[in-house]
Protein backbone atom coordinates (compact mmCIF):
# COMPACT_ATOMS: atom_id res chain seq x y z
CA MET A 1 95.47 128.30 105.52
CA ASN A 2 93.15 126.84 107.67
CA LEU A 3 93.27 122.92 107.35
CA THR A 4 91.24 120.16 108.71
CA ILE A 5 92.04 116.74 108.75
CA ARG A 6 88.69 114.58 108.50
CA ASN A 7 87.81 111.31 107.06
CA ALA A 8 87.27 110.39 103.82
CA ARG A 9 83.79 111.00 102.87
CA GLN A 10 82.48 108.79 98.78
CA ASP A 11 82.55 112.56 97.45
CA ASP A 12 86.14 112.83 98.06
CA SER A 13 86.77 109.62 96.24
CA GLN A 14 87.34 111.02 92.29
CA ARG A 15 90.20 113.64 94.11
CA CYS A 16 91.32 110.69 95.99
CA MET A 17 92.32 108.94 92.66
CA GLU A 18 93.71 112.03 91.31
CA LEU A 19 96.24 111.80 94.53
CA LEU A 20 96.59 108.66 94.56
CA GLN A 21 97.46 108.61 90.59
CA SER A 22 100.31 111.17 91.38
CA LEU A 23 101.93 108.90 94.15
CA ALA A 24 101.69 106.68 91.39
CA SER A 25 103.75 108.51 88.59
CA PHE A 26 106.35 109.89 91.07
CA THR A 27 107.06 106.04 92.49
CA GLY A 28 107.24 104.79 88.74
CA GLY A 29 104.07 102.74 89.02
CA SER A 30 100.10 102.67 87.93
CA THR A 31 96.94 102.99 90.00
CA ASP A 32 95.27 99.77 90.39
CA PRO A 33 91.94 99.84 87.94
CA LEU A 34 90.31 98.58 91.23
CA ALA A 35 91.32 101.55 93.44
CA PRO A 36 87.80 103.25 93.95
CA GLN A 37 86.38 100.17 94.69
CA ILE A 38 89.17 99.31 97.52
CA PHE A 39 88.12 103.36 98.67
CA ASP A 40 84.84 102.45 99.10
CA GLN A 41 85.11 99.67 101.32
CA LEU A 42 87.68 101.46 103.29
CA LEU A 43 85.05 104.46 103.97
CA ASP A 44 83.07 101.75 107.01
CA ASN A 45 86.79 101.95 108.30
CA THR A 46 86.82 98.26 109.40
CA ARG A 47 90.03 97.21 107.53
CA GLY A 48 91.53 100.43 107.50
CA GLU A 49 90.57 104.42 106.97
CA ILE A 50 91.33 107.54 104.30
CA PHE A 51 92.10 110.69 105.71
CA VAL A 52 91.95 113.79 103.59
CA ALA A 53 93.60 117.06 104.48
CA GLU A 54 91.00 120.05 103.02
CA GLY A 55 92.50 123.95 102.76
CA GLY A 56 90.64 126.62 100.68
CA GLY A 57 87.94 124.37 99.58
CA ARG A 58 90.03 121.92 97.90
CA ILE A 59 91.48 118.30 99.32
CA LEU A 60 95.28 118.97 99.59
CA GLY A 61 96.51 115.78 100.97
CA MET A 62 95.55 112.29 101.39
CA ALA A 63 96.93 109.17 104.27
CA SER A 64 95.31 105.76 103.81
CA VAL A 65 95.92 102.73 106.27
CA SER A 66 95.08 99.20 106.95
CA TYR A 67 94.29 97.98 110.09
CA ASN A 68 95.68 94.04 110.25
CA LEU A 69 95.67 91.03 112.85
CA ALA A 70 98.95 89.56 114.10
CA MET A 71 99.26 87.07 117.23
CA ARG A 72 102.46 88.58 117.80
CA ASN A 73 100.84 92.05 118.78
CA GLY A 74 97.61 90.39 120.58
CA GLY A 75 95.42 91.93 117.92
CA GLU A 76 95.54 94.77 115.66
CA TYR A 77 98.67 96.68 114.13
CA CYS A 78 98.24 99.82 111.85
CA GLN A 79 99.95 100.23 108.62
CA LEU A 80 100.35 103.29 106.42
CA GLU A 81 99.51 102.59 102.88
CA GLU A 82 99.54 105.65 101.09
CA LEU A 83 100.77 109.13 102.04
CA ILE A 84 99.97 111.93 99.42
CA VAL A 85 100.38 115.93 99.05
CA ASP A 86 99.76 117.61 96.57
CA PRO A 87 102.62 120.06 95.28
CA ALA A 88 100.61 123.30 95.81
CA GLY A 89 100.61 121.94 99.51
CA ARG A 90 103.90 120.61 100.54
CA GLY A 91 105.63 122.95 102.91
CA GLN A 92 102.50 123.65 105.25
CA ASN A 93 103.34 120.47 107.60
CA ILE A 94 100.09 118.87 105.52
CA GLY A 95 101.97 115.26 105.34
CA GLY A 96 103.33 115.82 108.83
CA ARG A 97 99.29 116.87 109.80
CA LEU A 98 97.88 113.30 108.33
CA VAL A 99 100.96 111.42 109.13
CA GLU A 100 100.24 112.56 113.38
CA LYS A 101 96.08 112.05 112.49
CA THR A 102 96.55 108.05 111.38
CA VAL A 103 98.65 107.63 114.38
CA GLU A 104 96.53 109.31 116.52
CA GLN A 105 93.26 107.10 115.42
CA ALA A 106 95.80 103.86 115.14
CA LYS A 107 95.87 104.25 118.98
CA LEU A 108 92.40 105.02 119.91
CA ARG A 109 91.49 101.71 118.29
CA GLY A 110 93.79 100.13 120.10
CA CYS A 111 96.70 99.09 117.82
CA ALA A 112 100.02 97.63 119.27
CA GLU A 113 102.03 98.91 116.60
CA TYR A 114 102.15 101.12 113.29
CA GLY A 115 104.12 100.58 110.54
CA LEU A 116 105.00 101.85 106.80
CA TYR A 117 107.17 100.56 103.88
CA LEU A 118 109.47 102.88 102.22
CA VAL A 119 110.49 101.61 98.87
CA GLU A 120 113.94 102.96 96.75
CA SER A 121 112.31 105.72 95.67
CA THR A 122 111.02 106.69 98.84
CA GLU A 123 113.74 106.48 100.88
CA GLN A 124 114.90 110.04 101.08
CA ASN A 125 111.77 110.02 102.70
CA LEU A 126 113.25 108.31 106.17
CA PRO A 127 114.27 111.92 108.16
CA PHE A 128 110.47 112.64 107.80
CA TYR A 129 108.95 109.76 109.33
CA GLU A 130 111.79 109.43 111.82
CA LYS A 131 110.81 112.86 113.25
CA TYR A 132 107.18 111.79 114.08
CA GLY A 133 108.80 108.31 115.92
CA PHE A 134 109.15 105.98 113.41
CA GLU A 135 112.24 103.51 113.53
CA LYS A 136 114.19 101.72 110.43
CA VAL A 137 113.67 98.11 111.66
CA GLY A 138 114.79 95.90 108.47
CA SER A 139 113.75 95.01 105.20
CA GLU A 140 110.85 94.07 103.83
CA LEU A 141 110.45 91.04 101.25
CA ARG A 142 107.61 91.12 98.76
CA GLN A 143 105.89 88.46 96.34
CA SER A 144 103.49 89.33 93.55
CA LEU A 145 100.74 87.32 93.07
CA ARG A 146 99.23 88.96 90.42
CA SER A 147 100.18 86.92 86.93
């Protein structure tokens, strides 16, 4: 199958929301009602980007990243926020190609570092990310700010 990795466009929104919902179902969460608005904001590539993997006329995967500032990095660093591959596209290295594209784009932007978080339901993905040069660094702590 011929696969194209490209930046998401406005007309990709519905399909990306479907993929996001499938990720939320897998991790035991739900899709935030503001997700479509965040999708729109990410299309300008200022605070982040969304990439899609398209094959056979259908979007088979999606990756979103955010670009954040940190003094310790002397500028921007990149954070993988979501990586989702449709079950019909699994086993075709779609996730790997999306990761490679996001890393390439972060380097082009001049990001000093690229990170991602694994939660309990995705810990089994550690070997996948290690294939692409990621190393386990430590634990993440979070605090919900929503009531």
